[in-house]
Amino acid sequence: MTAADGIGAGGGSLQILQVEESVRYRTNIGIFEVTGKPATVELSIFVPESKTVARTSFDLKANEFRQLNVLREAGFDDVYNARIQVRVLSGTGKIAAYGSVIDMITQDPTFVPAQGSQ
């Protein structure tokens, strides 16, 4: 990833698709700042057949990397085919993100790249 690949405030959002938290799989989300500048990041969790969206925001320092089990931390323990949206609310930093879906039996991860949207 380079700074050209990251998104900043007003630059759209990143989507991580097919997120799951179940007895078979868990999903970690990785978010990292790519320009050496701080950013305030918002995560939105879209669960199929739900009329509400869970949101959280946090500050990401320059060049900081975080890996989170977003669904579990938000209280979801049986979710299939969810979508995580990541965007920069403020700050001059740019971010990139990915998902890692982990098989609970083998512990093998599957990389899920974030997709950009405007």
PDB file of N, CA and C in Angstrom:
ATOM      1  N   MET A   1       0.837  -1.187   0.000  1.00  0.00           N
ATOM      2  CA  MET A   1       0.000   0.000   0.000  1.00  0.00           C
ATOM      3  C   MET A   1       0.876   1.242   0.000  1.00  0.00           C
ATOM      4  N   THR A   2       0.452   2.213  -0.746  1.00  0.00           N
ATOM      5  CA  THR A   2       1.131   3.495  -0.743  1.00  0.00           C
ATOM      6  C   THR A   2       0.119   4.584  -0.386  1.00  0.00           C
ATOM      7  N   ALA A   3       0.606   5.793  -0.173  1.00  0.00           N
ATOM      8  CA  ALA A   3      -0.284   6.908   0.142  1.00  0.00           C
ATOM      9  C   ALA A   3      -1.305   7.135  -0.973  1.00  0.00           C
ATOM     10  N   ALA A   4      -0.929   6.852  -2.211  1.00  0.00           N
ATOM     11  CA  ALA A   4      -1.852   7.014  -3.340  1.00  0.00           C
ATOM     12  C   ALA A   4      -3.028   6.044  -3.257  1.00  0.00           C
ATOM     13  N   ASP A   5      -2.865   4.929  -2.546  1.00  0.00           N
ATOM     14  CA  ASP A   5      -3.926   3.927  -2.419  1.00  0.00           C
ATOM     15  C   ASP A   5      -4.895   4.230  -1.284  1.00  0.00           C
ATOM     16  N   GLY A   6      -4.525   5.130  -0.367  1.00  0.00           N
ATOM     17  CA  GLY A   6      -5.346   5.404   0.805  1.00  0.00           C
ATOM     18  C   GLY A   6      -6.482   6.373   0.502  1.00  0.00           C
ATOM     19  N   ILE A   7      -7.445   6.415   1.419  1.00  0.00           N
ATOM     20  CA  ILE A   7      -8.543   7.379   1.310  1.00  0.00           C
ATOM     21  C   ILE A   7      -8.439   8.345   2.483  1.00  0.00           C
ATOM     22  N   GLY A   8      -8.822   9.584   2.234  1.00  0.00           N
ATOM     23  CA  GLY A   8      -8.805  10.611   3.261  1.00  0.00           C
ATOM     24  C   GLY A   8     -10.199  11.167   3.484  1.00  0.00           C
ATOM     25  N   ALA A   9     -10.279  12.207   4.306  1.00  0.00           N
ATOM     26  CA  ALA A   9     -11.561  12.854   4.588  1.00  0.00           C
ATOM     27  C   ALA A   9     -12.166  13.359   3.285  1.00  0.00           C
ATOM     28  N   GLY A  10     -13.434  13.070   3.062  1.00  0.00           N
ATOM     29  CA  GLY A  10     -14.117  13.480   1.844  1.00  0.00           C
ATOM     30  C   GLY A  10     -13.775  12.647   0.624  1.00  0.00           C
ATOM     31  N   GLY A  11     -13.002  11.585   0.810  1.00  0.00           N
ATOM     32  CA  GLY A  11     -12.551  10.779  -0.314  1.00  0.00           C
ATOM     33  C   GLY A  11     -13.296   9.484  -0.499  1.00  0.00           C
ATOM     34  N   GLY A  12     -14.512   9.397  -0.045  1.00  0.00           N
ATOM     35  CA  GLY A  12     -15.273   8.161  -0.185  1.00  0.00           C
ATOM     36  C   GLY A  12     -15.035   7.235   1.000  1.00  0.00           C
ATOM     37  N   SER A  13     -15.256   5.956   0.784  1.00  0.00           N
ATOM     38  CA  SER A  13     -15.123   4.980   1.862  1.00  0.00           C
ATOM     39  C   SER A  13     -14.556   3.677   1.318  1.00  0.00           C
ATOM     40  N   LEU A  14     -14.156   2.826   2.237  1.00  0.00           N
ATOM     41  CA  LEU A  14     -13.700   1.483   1.896  1.00  0.00           C
ATOM     42  C   LEU A  14     -14.741   0.493   2.409  1.00  0.00           C
ATOM     43  N   GLN A  15     -15.000  -0.551   1.627  1.00  0.00           N
ATOM     44  CA  GLN A  15     -15.979  -1.576   1.984  1.00  0.00           C
ATOM     45  C   GLN A  15     -15.269  -2.916   2.144  1.00  0.00           C
ATOM     46  N   ILE A  16     -15.531  -3.587   3.250  1.00  0.00           N
ATOM     47  CA  ILE A  16     -15.014  -4.939   3.463  1.00  0.00           C
ATOM     48  C   ILE A  16     -16.242  -5.848   3.471  1.00  0.00           C
ATOM     49  N   LEU A  17     -16.302  -6.744   2.491  1.00  0.00           N
ATOM     50  CA  LEU A  17     -17.491  -7.551   2.258  1.00  0.00           C
ATOM     51  C   LEU A  17     -17.349  -8.963   2.809  1.00  0.00           C
ATOM     52  N   GLN A  18     -18.497  -9.618   2.980  1.00  0.00           N
ATOM     53  CA  GLN A  18     -18.600 -11.016   3.408  1.00  0.00           C
ATOM     54  C   GLN A  18     -17.919 -11.261   4.752  1.00  0.00           C
ATOM     55  N   VAL A  19     -18.178 -10.363   5.681  1.00  0.00           N
ATOM     56  CA  VAL A  19     -17.643 -10.468   7.027  1.00  0.00           C
ATOM     57  C   VAL A  19     -18.527 -11.420   7.830  1.00  0.00           C
ATOM     58  N   GLU A  20     -17.903 -12.280   8.613  1.00  0.00           N
ATOM     59  CA  GLU A  20     -18.651 -13.277   9.380  1.00  0.00           C
ATOM     60  C   GLU A  20     -18.103 -13.405  10.795  1.00  0.00           C
ATOM     61  N   GLU A  21     -19.011 -13.635  11.742  1.00  0.00           N
ATOM     62  CA  GLU A  21     -18.665 -13.959  13.128  1.00  0.00           C
ATOM     63  C   GLU A  21     -19.606 -15.087  13.542  1.00  0.00           C
ATOM     64  N   SER A  22     -19.068 -16.302  13.624  1.00  0.00           N
ATOM     65  CA  SER A  22     -19.895 -17.470  13.916  1.00  0.00           C
ATOM     66  C   SER A  22     -19.045 -18.549  14.577  1.00  0.00           C
ATOM     67  N   VAL A  23     -19.622 -19.712  14.764  1.00  0.00           N
ATOM     68  CA  VAL A  23     -18.844 -20.830  15.321  1.00  0.00           C
ATOM     69  C   VAL A  23     -17.838 -21.357  14.304  1.00  0.00           C
ATOM     70  N   ARG A  24     -18.033 -21.062  13.015  1.00  0.00           N
ATOM     71  CA  ARG A  24     -17.111 -21.509  11.957  1.00  0.00           C
ATOM     72  C   ARG A  24     -16.005 -20.521  11.636  1.00  0.00           C
ATOM     73  N   TYR A  25     -16.354 -19.216  11.641  1.00  0.00           N
ATOM     74  CA  TYR A  25     -15.404 -18.189  11.226  1.00  0.00           C
ATOM     75  C   TYR A  25     -15.472 -16.970  12.133  1.00  0.00           C
ATOM     76  N   ARG A  26     -14.345 -16.288  12.232  1.00  0.00           N
ATOM     77  CA  ARG A  26     -14.310 -14.967  12.852  1.00  0.00           C
ATOM     78  C   ARG A  26     -13.578 -14.046  11.879  1.00  0.00           C
ATOM     79  N   THR A  27     -13.853 -12.756  11.990  1.00  0.00           N
ATOM     80  CA  THR A  27     -13.234 -11.804  11.075  1.00  0.00           C
ATOM     81  C   THR A  27     -12.530 -10.708  11.842  1.00  0.00           C
ATOM     82  N   ASN A  28     -11.276 -10.474  11.494  1.00  0.00           N
ATOM     83  CA  ASN A  28     -10.532  -9.328  11.996  1.00  0.00           C
ATOM     84  C   ASN A  28     -10.479  -8.282  10.890  1.00  0.00           C
ATOM     85  N   ILE A  29     -10.498  -7.031  11.281  1.00  0.00           N
ATOM     86  CA  ILE A  29     -10.381  -5.914  10.353  1.00  0.00           C
ATOM     87  C   ILE A  29      -9.073  -5.204  10.657  1.00  0.00           C
ATOM     88  N   GLY A  30      -8.270  -4.992   9.638  1.00  0.00           N
ATOM     89  CA  GLY A  30      -7.031  -4.230   9.791  1.00  0.00           C
ATOM     90  C   GLY A  30      -7.204  -2.861   9.171  1.00  0.00           C
ATOM     91  N   ILE A  31      -6.793  -1.823   9.900  1.00  0.00           N
ATOM     92  CA  ILE A  31      -6.874  -0.450   9.420  1.00  0.00           C
ATOM     93  C   ILE A  31      -5.529   0.204   9.689  1.00  0.00           C
ATOM     94  N   PHE A  32      -4.993   0.902   8.692  1.00  0.00           N
ATOM     95  CA  PHE A  32      -3.699   1.537   8.906  1.00  0.00           C
ATOM     96  C   PHE A  32      -3.624   2.874   8.186  1.00  0.00           C
ATOM     97  N   GLU A  33      -2.868   3.788   8.799  1.00  0.00           N
ATOM     98  CA  GLU A  33      -2.663   5.128   8.252  1.00  0.00           C
ATOM     99  C   GLU A  33      -1.429   5.074   7.371  1.00  0.00           C
ATOM    100  N   VAL A  34      -1.498   5.653   6.146  1.00  0.00           N
ATOM    101  CA  VAL A  34      -0.434   5.461   5.154  1.00  0.00           C
ATOM    102  C   VAL A  34       0.350   6.716   4.770  1.00  0.00           C
ATOM    103  N   THR A  35       0.053   7.884   5.372  1.00  0.00           N
ATOM    104  CA  THR A  35       0.741   9.116   4.966  1.00  0.00           C
ATOM    105  C   THR A  35       1.579   9.751   6.066  1.00  0.00           C
ATOM    106  N   GLY A  36       1.565   9.195   7.264  1.00  0.00           N
ATOM    107  CA  GLY A  36       2.304   9.802   8.365  1.00  0.00           C
ATOM    108  C   GLY A  36       1.579  10.976   8.990  1.00  0.00           C
ATOM    109  N   LYS A  37       0.242  11.000   8.868  1.00  0.00           N
ATOM    110  CA  LYS A  37      -0.577  12.083   9.429  1.00  0.00           C
ATOM    111  C   LYS A  37      -1.775  11.462  10.151  1.00  0.00           C
ATOM    112  N   PRO A  38      -2.279  12.089  11.202  1.00  0.00           N
ATOM    113  CA  PRO A  38      -3.402  11.515  11.958  1.00  0.00           C
ATOM    114  C   PRO A  38      -4.734  11.627  11.219  1.00  0.00           C
ATOM    115  N   ALA A  39      -5.656  10.740  11.605  1.00  0.00           N
ATOM    116  CA  ALA A  39      -7.000  10.741  11.017  1.00  0.00           C
ATOM    117  C   ALA A  39      -7.993  10.207  12.040  1.00  0.00           C
ATOM    118  N   THR A  40      -9.214  10.715  11.992  1.00  0.00           N
ATOM    119  CA  THR A  40     -10.302  10.157  12.785  1.00  0.00           C
ATOM    120  C   THR A  40     -11.098   9.239  11.859  1.00  0.00           C
ATOM    121  N   VAL A  41     -11.231   7.985  12.262  1.00  0.00           N
ATOM    122  CA  VAL A  41     -11.810   6.936  11.417  1.00  0.00           C
ATOM    123  C   VAL A  41     -13.177   6.525  11.956  1.00  0.00           C
ATOM    124  N   GLU A  42     -14.116   6.288  11.053  1.00  0.00           N
ATOM    125  CA  GLU A  42     -15.428   5.760  11.432  1.00  0.00           C
ATOM    126  C   GLU A  42     -15.612   4.374  10.818  1.00  0.00           C
ATOM    127  N   LEU A  43     -16.049   3.418  11.639  1.00  0.00           N
ATOM    128  CA  LEU A  43     -16.415   2.082  11.175  1.00  0.00           C
ATOM    129  C   LEU A  43     -17.927   1.960  11.272  1.00  0.00           C
ATOM    130  N   SER A  44     -18.553   1.481  10.219  1.00  0.00           N
ATOM    131  CA  SER A  44     -19.992   1.218  10.220  1.00  0.00           C
ATOM    132  C   SER A  44     -20.194  -0.255   9.899  1.00  0.00           C
ATOM    133  N   ILE A  45     -21.045  -0.915  10.678  1.00  0.00           N
ATOM    134  CA  ILE A  45     -21.310  -2.341  10.501  1.00  0.00           C
ATOM    135  C   ILE A  45     -22.726  -2.510   9.953  1.00  0.00           C
ATOM    136  N   PHE A  46     -22.821  -3.084   8.759  1.00  0.00           N
ATOM    137  CA  PHE A  46     -24.101  -3.340   8.118  1.00  0.00           C
ATOM    138  C   PHE A  46     -24.373  -4.837   8.173  1.00  0.00           C
ATOM    139  N   VAL A  47     -25.366  -5.218   8.954  1.00  0.00           N
ATOM    140  CA  VAL A  47     -25.737  -6.622   9.129  1.00  0.00           C
ATOM    141  C   VAL A  47     -26.967  -6.905   8.268  1.00  0.00           C
ATOM    142  N   PRO A  48     -26.937  -7.992   7.473  1.00  0.00           N
ATOM    143  CA  PRO A  48     -28.103  -8.308   6.640  1.00  0.00           C
ATOM    144  C   PRO A  48     -29.389  -8.385   7.466  1.00  0.00           C
ATOM    145  N   GLU A  49     -30.456  -7.876   6.872  1.00  0.00           N
ATOM    146  CA  GLU A  49     -31.795  -7.906   7.453  1.00  0.00           C
ATOM    147  C   GLU A  49     -31.921  -7.111   8.748  1.00  0.00           C
ATOM    148  N   SER A  50     -31.011  -6.187   8.988  1.00  0.00           N
ATOM    149  CA  SER A  50     -31.107  -5.302  10.143  1.00  0.00           C
ATOM    150  C   SER A  50     -31.451  -3.906   9.658  1.00  0.00           C
ATOM    151  N   LYS A  51     -32.275  -3.211  10.411  1.00  0.00           N
ATOM    152  CA  LYS A  51     -32.657  -1.857  10.036  1.00  0.00           C
ATOM    153  C   LYS A  51     -31.781  -0.800  10.702  1.00  0.00           C
ATOM    154  N   THR A  52     -30.836  -1.229  11.512  1.00  0.00           N
ATOM    155  CA  THR A  52     -29.938  -0.294  12.179  1.00  0.00           C
ATOM    156  C   THR A  52     -28.497  -0.568  11.756  1.00  0.00           C
ATOM    157  N   VAL A  53     -27.665   0.433  11.908  1.00  0.00           N
ATOM    158  CA  VAL A  53     -26.246   0.331  11.583  1.00  0.00           C
ATOM    159  C   VAL A  53     -25.460   0.642  12.846  1.00  0.00           C
ATOM    160  N   ALA A  54     -24.550  -0.247  13.222  1.00  0.00           N
ATOM    161  CA  ALA A  54     -23.675  -0.002  14.369  1.00  0.00           C
ATOM    162  C   ALA A  54     -22.488   0.823  13.887  1.00  0.00           C
ATOM    163  N   ARG A  55     -22.182   1.898  14.621  1.00  0.00           N
ATOM    164  CA  ARG A  55     -21.056   2.763  14.239  1.00  0.00           C
ATOM    165  C   ARG A  55     -20.160   3.018  15.439  1.00  0.00           C
ATOM    166  N   THR A  56     -18.882   3.165  15.134  1.00  0.00           N
ATOM    167  CA  THR A  56     -17.912   3.586  16.135  1.00  0.00           C
ATOM    168  C   THR A  56     -16.848   4.410  15.430  1.00  0.00           C
ATOM    169  N   SER A  57     -16.205   5.288  16.173  1.00  0.00           N
ATOM    170  CA  SER A  57     -15.120   6.071  15.590  1.00  0.00           C
ATOM    171  C   SER A  57     -13.959   6.125  16.573  1.00  0.00           C
ATOM    172  N   PHE A  58     -12.783   6.374  16.040  1.00  0.00           N
ATOM    173  CA  PHE A  58     -11.579   6.444  16.865  1.00  0.00           C
ATOM    174  C   PHE A  58     -10.507   7.218  16.117  1.00  0.00           C
ATOM    175  N   ASP A  59      -9.540   7.695  16.872  1.00  0.00           N
ATOM    176  CA  ASP A  59      -8.409   8.416  16.285  1.00  0.00           C
ATOM    177  C   ASP A  59      -7.309   7.434  15.933  1.00  0.00           C
ATOM    178  N   LEU A  60      -6.757   7.602  14.763  1.00  0.00           N
ATOM    179  CA  LEU A  60      -5.635   6.795  14.292  1.00  0.00           C
ATOM    180  C   LEU A  60      -4.443   7.737  14.165  1.00  0.00           C
ATOM    181  N   LYS A  61      -3.377   7.431  14.868  1.00  0.00           N
ATOM    182  CA  LYS A  61      -2.186   8.272  14.832  1.00  0.00           C
ATOM    183  C   LYS A  61      -1.442   8.086  13.514  1.00  0.00           C
ATOM    184  N   ALA A  62      -0.485   8.959  13.263  1.00  0.00           N
ATOM    185  CA  ALA A  62       0.338   8.860  12.060  1.00  0.00           C
ATOM    186  C   ALA A  62       1.004   7.489  11.997  1.00  0.00           C
ATOM    187  N   ASN A  63       0.874   6.811  10.867  1.00  0.00           N
ATOM    188  CA  ASN A  63       1.469   5.482  10.613  1.00  0.00           C
ATOM    189  C   ASN A  63       0.976   4.378  11.552  1.00  0.00           C
ATOM    190  N   GLU A  64      -0.101   4.593  12.257  1.00  0.00           N
ATOM    191  CA  GLU A  64      -0.605   3.582  13.201  1.00  0.00           C
ATOM    192  C   GLU A  64      -1.349   2.471  12.463  1.00  0.00           C
ATOM    193  N   PHE A  65      -1.250   1.273  13.000  1.00  0.00           N
ATOM    194  CA  PHE A  65      -1.950   0.093  12.491  1.00  0.00           C
ATOM    195  C   PHE A  65      -2.788  -0.480  13.629  1.00  0.00           C
ATOM    196  N   ARG A  66      -4.025  -0.839  13.340  1.00  0.00           N
ATOM    197  CA  ARG A  66      -4.878  -1.521  14.323  1.00  0.00           C
ATOM    198  C   ARG A  66      -5.544  -2.710  13.658  1.00  0.00           C
ATOM    199  N   GLN A  67      -5.639  -3.786  14.429  1.00  0.00           N
ATOM    200  CA  GLN A  67      -6.416  -4.941  13.990  1.00  0.00           C
ATOM    201  C   GLN A  67      -7.484  -5.175  15.029  1.00  0.00           C
ATOM    202  N   LEU A  68      -8.735  -5.271  14.588  1.00  0.00           N
ATOM    203  CA  LEU A  68      -9.877  -5.359  15.488  1.00  0.00           C
ATOM    204  C   LEU A  68     -10.787  -6.516  15.096  1.00  0.00           C
ATOM    205  N   ASN A  69     -11.408  -7.125  16.082  1.00  0.00           N
ATOM    206  CA  ASN A  69     -12.495  -8.064  15.832  1.00  0.00           C
ATOM    207  C   ASN A  69     -13.780  -7.257  16.007  1.00  0.00           C
ATOM    208  N   VAL A  70     -14.127  -6.487  14.989  1.00  0.00           N
ATOM    209  CA  VAL A  70     -15.174  -5.481  15.066  1.00  0.00           C
ATOM    210  C   VAL A  70     -16.534  -6.066  15.438  1.00  0.00           C
ATOM    211  N   LEU A  71     -16.925  -7.164  14.822  1.00  0.00           N
ATOM    212  CA  LEU A  71     -18.239  -7.737  15.109  1.00  0.00           C
ATOM    213  C   LEU A  71     -18.347  -8.188  16.560  1.00  0.00           C
ATOM    214  N   ARG A  72     -17.359  -8.894  17.030  1.00  0.00           N
ATOM    215  CA  ARG A  72     -17.377  -9.373  18.422  1.00  0.00           C
ATOM    216  C   ARG A  72     -17.365  -8.198  19.397  1.00  0.00           C
ATOM    217  N   GLU A  73     -16.519  -7.202  19.121  1.00  0.00           N
ATOM    218  CA  GLU A  73     -16.432  -6.029  19.995  1.00  0.00           C
ATOM    219  C   GLU A  73     -17.727  -5.228  20.005  1.00  0.00           C
ATOM    220  N   ALA A  74     -18.512  -5.298  18.928  1.00  0.00           N
ATOM    221  CA  ALA A  74     -19.795  -4.594  18.854  1.00  0.00           C
ATOM    222  C   ALA A  74     -20.944  -5.429  19.422  1.00  0.00           C
ATOM    223  N   GLY A  75     -20.643  -6.637  19.897  1.00  0.00           N
ATOM    224  CA  GLY A  75     -21.668  -7.476  20.514  1.00  0.00           C
ATOM    225  C   GLY A  75     -22.343  -8.466  19.585  1.00  0.00           C
ATOM    226  N   PHE A  76     -21.856  -8.593  18.347  1.00  0.00           N
ATOM    227  CA  PHE A  76     -22.421  -9.553  17.409  1.00  0.00           C
ATOM    228  C   PHE A  76     -21.673 -10.877  17.539  1.00  0.00           C
ATOM    229  N   ASP A  77     -22.406 -11.981  17.660  1.00  0.00           N
ATOM    230  CA  ASP A  77     -21.726 -13.276  17.765  1.00  0.00           C
ATOM    231  C   ASP A  77     -22.264 -14.322  16.791  1.00  0.00           C
ATOM    232  N   ASP A  78     -23.227 -13.963  15.962  1.00  0.00           N
ATOM    233  CA  ASP A  78     -23.770 -14.899  14.986  1.00  0.00           C
ATOM    234  C   ASP A  78     -24.219 -14.106  13.761  1.00  0.00           C
ATOM    235  N   VAL A  79     -23.230 -13.643  12.977  1.00  0.00           N
ATOM    236  CA  VAL A  79     -23.499 -12.781  11.827  1.00  0.00           C
ATOM    237  C   VAL A  79     -22.847 -13.369  10.590  1.00  0.00           C
ATOM    238  N   TYR A  80     -23.617 -13.398   9.513  1.00  0.00           N
ATOM    239  CA  TYR A  80     -23.133 -13.922   8.242  1.00  0.00           C
ATOM    240  C   TYR A  80     -23.289 -12.848   7.166  1.00  0.00           C
ATOM    241  N   ASN A  81     -22.297 -12.724   6.289  1.00  0.00           N
ATOM    242  CA  ASN A  81     -22.350 -11.835   5.135  1.00  0.00           C
ATOM    243  C   ASN A  81     -22.599 -10.365   5.507  1.00  0.00           C
ATOM    244  N   ALA A  82     -21.953  -9.910   6.555  1.00  0.00           N
ATOM    245  CA  ALA A  82     -22.042  -8.498   6.942  1.00  0.00           C
ATOM    246  C   ALA A  82     -21.074  -7.685   6.078  1.00  0.00           C
ATOM    247  N   ARG A  83     -21.231  -6.372   6.160  1.00  0.00           N
ATOM    248  CA  ARG A  83     -20.348  -5.453   5.432  1.00  0.00           C
ATOM    249  C   ARG A  83     -19.845  -4.404   6.410  1.00  0.00           C
ATOM    250  N   ILE A  84     -18.556  -4.116   6.346  1.00  0.00           N
ATOM    251  CA  ILE A  84     -17.945  -3.084   7.173  1.00  0.00           C
ATOM    252  C   ILE A  84     -17.546  -1.932   6.253  1.00  0.00           C
ATOM    253  N   GLN A  85     -17.982  -0.741   6.609  1.00  0.00           N
ATOM    254  CA  GLN A  85     -17.582   0.465   5.874  1.00  0.00           C
ATOM    255  C   GLN A  85     -16.596   1.239   6.730  1.00  0.00           C
ATOM    256  N   VAL A  86     -15.495   1.672   6.119  1.00  0.00           N
ATOM    257  CA  VAL A  86     -14.457   2.424   6.815  1.00  0.00           C
ATOM    258  C   VAL A  86     -14.275   3.743   6.076  1.00  0.00           C
ATOM    259  N   ARG A  87     -14.277   4.852   6.815  1.00  0.00           N
ATOM    260  CA  ARG A  87     -14.048   6.149   6.187  1.00  0.00           C
ATOM    261  C   ARG A  87     -13.355   7.088   7.159  1.00  0.00           C
ATOM    262  N   VAL A  88     -12.731   8.111   6.612  1.00  0.00           N
ATOM    263  CA  VAL A  88     -12.058   9.124   7.416  1.00  0.00           C
ATOM    264  C   VAL A  88     -13.036  10.272   7.655  1.00  0.00           C
ATOM    265  N   LEU A  89     -13.296  10.566   8.928  1.00  0.00           N
ATOM    266  CA  LEU A  89     -14.186  11.673   9.277  1.00  0.00           C
ATOM    267  C   LEU A  89     -13.460  13.009   9.246  1.00  0.00           C
ATOM    268  N   SER A  90     -12.227  13.029   9.760  1.00  0.00           N
ATOM    269  CA  SER A  90     -11.467  14.279   9.816  1.00  0.00           C
ATOM    270  C   SER A  90      -9.984  13.962   9.946  1.00  0.00           C
ATOM    271  N   GLY A  91      -9.185  15.003   9.830  1.00  0.00           N
ATOM    272  CA  GLY A  91      -7.737  14.844   9.885  1.00  0.00           C
ATOM    273  C   GLY A  91      -7.154  14.837   8.487  1.00  0.00           C
ATOM    274  N   THR A  92      -5.842  14.917   8.409  1.00  0.00           N
ATOM    275  CA  THR A  92      -5.173  14.985   7.117  1.00  0.00           C
ATOM    276  C   THR A  92      -4.581  13.648   6.683  1.00  0.00           C
ATOM    277  N   GLY A  93      -4.721  12.622   7.523  1.00  0.00           N
ATOM    278  CA  GLY A  93      -4.197  11.310   7.183  1.00  0.00           C
ATOM    279  C   GLY A  93      -5.062  10.576   6.178  1.00  0.00           C
ATOM    280  N   LYS A  94      -4.491   9.549   5.584  1.00  0.00           N
ATOM    281  CA  LYS A  94      -5.202   8.652   4.679  1.00  0.00           C
ATOM    282  C   LYS A  94      -5.079   7.238   5.230  1.00  0.00           C
ATOM    283  N   ILE A  95      -6.105   6.430   4.998  1.00  0.00           N
ATOM    284  CA  ILE A  95      -6.121   5.082   5.540  1.00  0.00           C
ATOM    285  C   ILE A  95      -6.311   4.038   4.449  1.00  0.00           C
ATOM    286  N   ALA A  96      -5.953   2.826   4.789  1.00  0.00           N
ATOM    287  CA  ALA A  96      -6.237   1.643   3.989  1.00  0.00           C
ATOM    288  C   ALA A  96      -6.769   0.594   4.968  1.00  0.00           C
ATOM    289  N   ALA A  97      -7.437  -0.427   4.443  1.00  0.00           N
ATOM    290  CA  ALA A  97      -8.037  -1.432   5.318  1.00  0.00           C
ATOM    291  C   ALA A  97      -8.133  -2.783   4.617  1.00  0.00           C
ATOM    292  N   TYR A  98      -8.349  -3.823   5.409  1.00  0.00           N
ATOM    293  CA  TYR A  98      -8.541  -5.177   4.887  1.00  0.00           C
ATOM    294  C   TYR A  98      -9.331  -5.981   5.917  1.00  0.00           C
ATOM    295  N   GLY A  99      -9.840  -7.119   5.491  1.00  0.00           N
ATOM    296  CA  GLY A  99     -10.447  -8.080   6.389  1.00  0.00           C
ATOM    297  C   GLY A  99      -9.637  -9.361   6.368  1.00  0.00           C
ATOM    298  N   SER A 100      -9.708 -10.106   7.437  1.00  0.00           N
ATOM    299  CA  SER A 100      -9.072 -11.414   7.533  1.00  0.00           C
ATOM    300  C   SER A 100     -10.087 -12.360   8.159  1.00  0.00           C
ATOM    301  N   VAL A 101     -10.656 -13.237   7.341  1.00  0.00           N
ATOM    302  CA  VAL A 101     -11.654 -14.196   7.813  1.00  0.00           C
ATOM    303  C   VAL A 101     -10.903 -15.462   8.212  1.00  0.00           C
ATOM    304  N   ILE A 102     -11.032 -15.844   9.489  1.00  0.00           N
ATOM    305  CA  ILE A 102     -10.248 -16.943  10.047  1.00  0.00           C
ATOM    306  C   ILE A 102     -11.139 -18.152  10.316  1.00  0.00           C
ATOM    307  N   ASP A 103     -10.752 -19.298   9.771  1.00  0.00           N
ATOM    308  CA  ASP A 103     -11.444 -20.564  10.005  1.00  0.00           C
ATOM    309  C   ASP A 103     -11.206 -20.967  11.457  1.00  0.00           C
ATOM    310  N   MET A 104     -12.259 -21.189  12.232  1.00  0.00           N
ATOM    311  CA  MET A 104     -12.128 -21.492  13.660  1.00  0.00           C
ATOM    312  C   MET A 104     -11.555 -22.883  13.921  1.00  0.00           C
ATOM    313  N   ILE A 105     -11.614 -23.785  12.955  1.00  0.00           N
ATOM    314  CA  ILE A 105     -11.068 -25.128  13.148  1.00  0.00           C
ATOM    315  C   ILE A 105      -9.588 -25.170  12.789  1.00  0.00           C
ATOM    316  N   THR A 106      -9.246 -24.682  11.613  1.00  0.00           N
ATOM    317  CA  THR A 106      -7.855 -24.763  11.148  1.00  0.00           C
ATOM    318  C   THR A 106      -7.023 -23.540  11.520  1.00  0.00           C
ATOM    319  N   GLN A 107      -7.700 -22.432  11.872  1.00  0.00           N
ATOM    320  CA  GLN A 107      -7.061 -21.138  12.139  1.00  0.00           C
ATOM    321  C   GLN A 107      -6.433 -20.525  10.883  1.00  0.00           C
ATOM    322  N   ASP A 108      -6.791 -21.035   9.694  1.00  0.00           N
ATOM    323  CA  ASP A 108      -6.292 -20.483   8.440  1.00  0.00           C
ATOM    324  C   ASP A 108      -7.050 -19.196   8.114  1.00  0.00           C
ATOM    325  N   PRO A 109      -6.327 -18.116   7.778  1.00  0.00           N
ATOM    326  CA  PRO A 109      -6.994 -16.866   7.407  1.00  0.00           C
ATOM    327  C   PRO A 109      -7.204 -16.762   5.900  1.00  0.00           C
ATOM    328  N   THR A 110      -8.213 -15.999   5.519  1.00  0.00           N
ATOM    329  CA  THR A 110      -8.440 -15.637   4.127  1.00  0.00           C
ATOM    330  C   THR A 110      -8.424 -14.117   4.053  1.00  0.00           C
ATOM    331  N   PHE A 111      -7.557 -13.573   3.222  1.00  0.00           N
ATOM    332  CA  PHE A 111      -7.418 -12.129   3.057  1.00  0.00           C
ATOM    333  C   PHE A 111      -8.583 -11.581   2.246  1.00  0.00           C
ATOM    334  N   VAL A 112      -9.208 -10.519   2.738  1.00  0.00           N
ATOM    335  CA  VAL A 112     -10.318  -9.849   2.050  1.00  0.00           C
ATOM    336  C   VAL A 112      -9.938  -8.390   1.864  1.00  0.00           C
ATOM    337  N   PRO A 113      -9.503  -7.987   0.677  1.00  0.00           N
ATOM    338  CA  PRO A 113      -9.105  -6.594   0.478  1.00  0.00           C
ATOM    339  C   PRO A 113     -10.323  -5.667   0.533  1.00  0.00           C
ATOM    340  N   ALA A 114     -10.122  -4.478   1.083  1.00  0.00           N
ATOM    341  CA  ALA A 114     -11.187  -3.485   1.082  1.00  0.00           C
ATOM    342  C   ALA A 114     -11.360  -2.950  -0.331  1.00  0.00           C
ATOM    343  N   GLN A 115     -12.592  -2.646  -0.657  1.00  0.00           N
ATOM    344  CA  GLN A 115     -12.912  -2.092  -1.972  1.00  0.00           C
ATOM    345  C   GLN A 115     -13.314  -0.641  -1.811  1.00  0.00           C
ATOM    346  N   GLY A 116     -12.805   0.211  -2.667  1.00  0.00           N
ATOM    347  CA  GLY A 116     -13.117   1.629  -2.584  1.00  0.00           C
ATOM    348  C   GLY A 116     -14.465   1.956  -3.190  1.00  0.00           C
ATOM    349  N   SER A 117     -15.093   3.002  -2.657  1.00  0.00           N
ATOM    350  CA  SER A 117     -16.338   3.501  -3.228  1.00  0.00           C
ATOM    351  C   SER A 117     -16.381   5.021  -3.042  1.00  0.00           C
ATOM    352  N   GLN A 118     -17.047   5.677  -3.941  1.00  0.00           N
ATOM    353  CA  GLN A 118     -17.134   7.138  -3.874  1.00  0.00           C
ATOM    354  C   GLN A 118     -18.458   7.574  -3.290  1.00  0.00           C
TER     355      GLN A 118
END
